[in-house]
Each structure stands twice: as C-alpha cells, then as structure tokens.
C-alpha cells in the first residue's frame, strides 16, 4: 500500500461588493471560486505528488520542508516560486480589470 500527498493553493480576486460585507460570497464548490471571483490555482510542483509507502510524521515533514524527492525545497518554497513568476503575477493582477 502506498500514499500520495499533494497540495494546491487558490488565489481568488474578490472585487468591490463581493467580499463578506457585500453579501455576495458563496462557499467554494470543488474548484469553483467563491462569490464569482476569478481564481488562479497552483499545485504541487512534483509530478504526481510525493509518494510514500508509509504515512508517518517524517513523510509529512518531507513534503513541507523538502528532500531529494521534492527538489523544489518543500511546499512553501514551491508555492512561493510558482506565485512570484512574472506571468502568474501579471495574470492575477489582471483579474481586477476583468483580464486574466
């Protein structure tokens, strides 16, 4: 038996009147963005996730901090590197004008 651990981060643009005070939010269902917001999602950079034949604390630590099986340096560094890419930043920033 083996396990695969994966992760994703969603960045939603929430425009005027779409926030909690505007009453236009909705629970996110599956991959749908909440409240009609535009969404950018980034996933684990390791293809197929991190595979392990066990599921112990060391496996979780490897996913979070990195090792030879997660060459990007772990979850936080992987997500950071994906989100700061110029094309990703430009796409997310364009959400506010209806682009992206």
C-alpha atoms as a PDB file:
ATOM      1  CA  UNK A   1       0.000   0.000   0.000  1.00  0.00           C
ATOM      2  CA  UNK A   2       1.260   3.465  -0.775  1.00  0.00           C
ATOM      3  CA  UNK A   3       0.167   7.065  -0.293  1.00  0.00           C
ATOM      4  CA  UNK A   4       0.366  10.164  -2.469  1.00  0.00           C
ATOM      5  CA  UNK A   5       0.370  13.622  -0.870  1.00  0.00           C
ATOM      6  CA  UNK A   6      -0.454  16.649  -2.994  1.00  0.00           C
ATOM      7  CA  UNK A   7      -1.321  20.278  -2.325  1.00  0.00           C
ATOM      8  CA  UNK A   8      -2.836  23.293  -4.014  1.00  0.00           C
ATOM      9  CA  UNK A   9      -3.216  26.984  -3.290  1.00  0.00           C
ATOM     10  CA  UNK A  10      -6.075  29.117  -4.623  1.00  0.00           C
ATOM     11  CA  UNK A  11      -5.718  32.869  -5.097  1.00  0.00           C
ATOM     12  CA  UNK A  12      -9.134  34.491  -5.545  1.00  0.00           C
ATOM     13  CA  UNK A  13      -9.701  38.077  -6.626  1.00  0.00           C
ATOM     14  CA  UNK A  14     -12.604  39.493  -4.672  1.00  0.00           C
ATOM     15  CA  UNK A  15     -13.916  42.695  -6.214  1.00  0.00           C
ATOM     16  CA  UNK A  16     -15.916  45.511  -4.638  1.00  0.00           C
ATOM     17  CA  UNK A  17     -19.167  44.218  -3.188  1.00  0.00           C
ATOM     18  CA  UNK A  18     -18.056  40.601  -3.477  1.00  0.00           C
ATOM     19  CA  UNK A  19     -16.496  40.392  -0.025  1.00  0.00           C
ATOM     20  CA  UNK A  20     -18.178  39.277   3.190  1.00  0.00           C
ATOM     21  CA  UNK A  21     -19.600  42.748   3.766  1.00  0.00           C
ATOM     22  CA  UNK A  22     -21.189  42.755   0.308  1.00  0.00           C
ATOM     23  CA  UNK A  23     -23.176  39.603   0.930  1.00  0.00           C
ATOM     24  CA  UNK A  24     -22.275  38.190  -2.489  1.00  0.00           C
ATOM     25  CA  UNK A  25     -19.987  35.393  -1.339  1.00  0.00           C
ATOM     26  CA  UNK A  26     -20.718  31.719  -1.662  1.00  0.00           C
ATOM     27  CA  UNK A  27     -18.985  28.606  -0.447  1.00  0.00           C
ATOM     28  CA  UNK A  28     -16.445  27.298  -2.904  1.00  0.00           C
ATOM     29  CA  UNK A  29     -17.635  24.066  -4.500  1.00  0.00           C
ATOM     30  CA  UNK A  30     -14.887  21.874  -5.880  1.00  0.00           C
ATOM     31  CA  UNK A  31     -12.603  24.069  -7.938  1.00  0.00           C
ATOM     32  CA  UNK A  32     -15.146  26.879  -8.345  1.00  0.00           C
ATOM     33  CA  UNK A  33     -14.094  30.234  -6.953  1.00  0.00           C
ATOM     34  CA  UNK A  34     -16.159  31.630  -4.084  1.00  0.00           C
ATOM     35  CA  UNK A  35     -18.520  34.504  -4.754  1.00  0.00           C
ATOM     36  CA  UNK A  36     -17.908  34.620  -8.500  1.00  0.00           C
ATOM     37  CA  UNK A  37     -14.259  35.600  -8.025  1.00  0.00           C
ATOM     38  CA  UNK A  38     -11.591  34.863 -10.609  1.00  0.00           C
ATOM     39  CA  UNK A  39      -9.194  32.196  -9.383  1.00  0.00           C
ATOM     40  CA  UNK A  40      -5.601  31.148 -10.019  1.00  0.00           C
ATOM     41  CA  UNK A  41      -4.659  27.730  -8.644  1.00  0.00           C
ATOM     42  CA  UNK A  42      -1.142  26.368  -8.290  1.00  0.00           C
ATOM     43  CA  UNK A  43      -0.408  22.733  -7.483  1.00  0.00           C
ATOM     44  CA  UNK A  44       2.496  20.760  -6.124  1.00  0.00           C
ATOM     45  CA  UNK A  45       5.476  21.054  -8.420  1.00  0.00           C
ATOM     46  CA  UNK A  46       6.434  17.399  -8.007  1.00  0.00           C
ATOM     47  CA  UNK A  47       4.639  15.475 -10.762  1.00  0.00           C
ATOM     48  CA  UNK A  48       2.136  13.071  -9.276  1.00  0.00           C
ATOM     49  CA  UNK A  49       2.667  14.338  -5.770  1.00  0.00           C
ATOM     50  CA  UNK A  50       5.008  12.889  -3.202  1.00  0.00           C
ATOM     51  CA  UNK A  51       4.698   9.127  -2.954  1.00  0.00           C
ATOM     52  CA  UNK A  52       5.449   7.105   0.149  1.00  0.00           C
ATOM     53  CA  UNK A  53       4.870   3.536   1.259  1.00  0.00           C
ATOM     54  CA  UNK A  54       4.187   4.824   4.764  1.00  0.00           C
ATOM     55  CA  UNK A  55       2.261   7.715   6.205  1.00  0.00           C
ATOM     56  CA  UNK A  56       4.236   8.892   9.194  1.00  0.00           C
ATOM     57  CA  UNK A  57       5.393  12.251  10.548  1.00  0.00           C
ATOM     58  CA  UNK A  58       8.634  12.050   8.533  1.00  0.00           C
ATOM     59  CA  UNK A  59       6.652  11.832   5.279  1.00  0.00           C
ATOM     60  CA  UNK A  60       4.703  14.969   6.157  1.00  0.00           C
ATOM     61  CA  UNK A  61       7.917  16.758   7.160  1.00  0.00           C
ATOM     62  CA  UNK A  62       9.487  15.844   3.810  1.00  0.00           C
ATOM     63  CA  UNK A  63       6.511  17.301   1.941  1.00  0.00           C
ATOM     64  CA  UNK A  64       6.689  20.529   3.948  1.00  0.00           C
ATOM     65  CA  UNK A  65      10.440  21.058   4.131  1.00  0.00           C
ATOM     66  CA  UNK A  66      11.787  19.250   1.085  1.00  0.00           C
ATOM     67  CA  UNK A  67      14.197  16.461   0.338  1.00  0.00           C
ATOM     68  CA  UNK A  68      15.568  14.693  -2.698  1.00  0.00           C
ATOM     69  CA  UNK A  69      12.012  13.636  -3.604  1.00  0.00           C
ATOM     70  CA  UNK A  70      10.799  17.262  -3.522  1.00  0.00           C
ATOM     71  CA  UNK A  71      13.569  19.110  -5.374  1.00  0.00           C
ATOM     72  CA  UNK A  72      11.800  22.452  -5.079  1.00  0.00           C
ATOM     73  CA  UNK A  73      12.613  22.674  -1.360  1.00  0.00           C
ATOM     74  CA  UNK A  74       9.238  21.831   0.094  1.00  0.00           C
ATOM     75  CA  UNK A  75       5.688  23.062  -0.095  1.00  0.00           C
ATOM     76  CA  UNK A  76       6.217  26.680   0.954  1.00  0.00           C
ATOM     77  CA  UNK A  77       9.146  27.310  -1.393  1.00  0.00           C
ATOM     78  CA  UNK A  78       7.415  25.526  -4.264  1.00  0.00           C
ATOM     79  CA  UNK A  79       4.239  27.614  -3.920  1.00  0.00           C
ATOM     80  CA  UNK A  80       6.276  30.804  -3.458  1.00  0.00           C
ATOM     81  CA  UNK A  81       8.292  30.180  -6.630  1.00  0.00           C
ATOM     82  CA  UNK A  82       5.152  29.472  -8.651  1.00  0.00           C
ATOM     83  CA  UNK A  83       3.284  32.547  -7.410  1.00  0.00           C
ATOM     84  CA  UNK A  84       6.133  35.021  -7.971  1.00  0.00           C
ATOM     85  CA  UNK A  85       6.648  34.025 -11.609  1.00  0.00           C
ATOM     86  CA  UNK A  86       6.142  37.145 -13.737  1.00  0.00           C
ATOM     87  CA  UNK A  87       3.412  35.537 -15.848  1.00  0.00           C
ATOM     88  CA  UNK A  88       1.491  34.394 -12.761  1.00  0.00           C
ATOM     89  CA  UNK A  89       1.732  37.792 -11.069  1.00  0.00           C
ATOM     90  CA  UNK A  90       0.564  39.508 -14.259  1.00  0.00           C
ATOM     91  CA  UNK A  91      -2.384  37.137 -14.619  1.00  0.00           C
ATOM     92  CA  UNK A  92      -3.518  37.597 -11.013  1.00  0.00           C
ATOM     93  CA  UNK A  93      -3.099  41.383 -11.183  1.00  0.00           C
ATOM     94  CA  UNK A  94      -5.165  41.457 -14.392  1.00  0.00           C
ATOM     95  CA  UNK A  95      -8.148  39.947 -12.536  1.00  0.00           C
ATOM     96  CA  UNK A  96      -9.020  43.405 -11.181  1.00  0.00           C
ATOM     97  CA  UNK A  97      -9.631  44.715 -14.714  1.00  0.00           C
ATOM     98  CA  UNK A  98     -11.527  41.658 -15.904  1.00  0.00           C
ATOM     99  CA  UNK A  99      -8.498  40.159 -17.588  1.00  0.00           C
ATOM    100  CA  UNK A 100      -6.501  37.118 -16.637  1.00  0.00           C
END
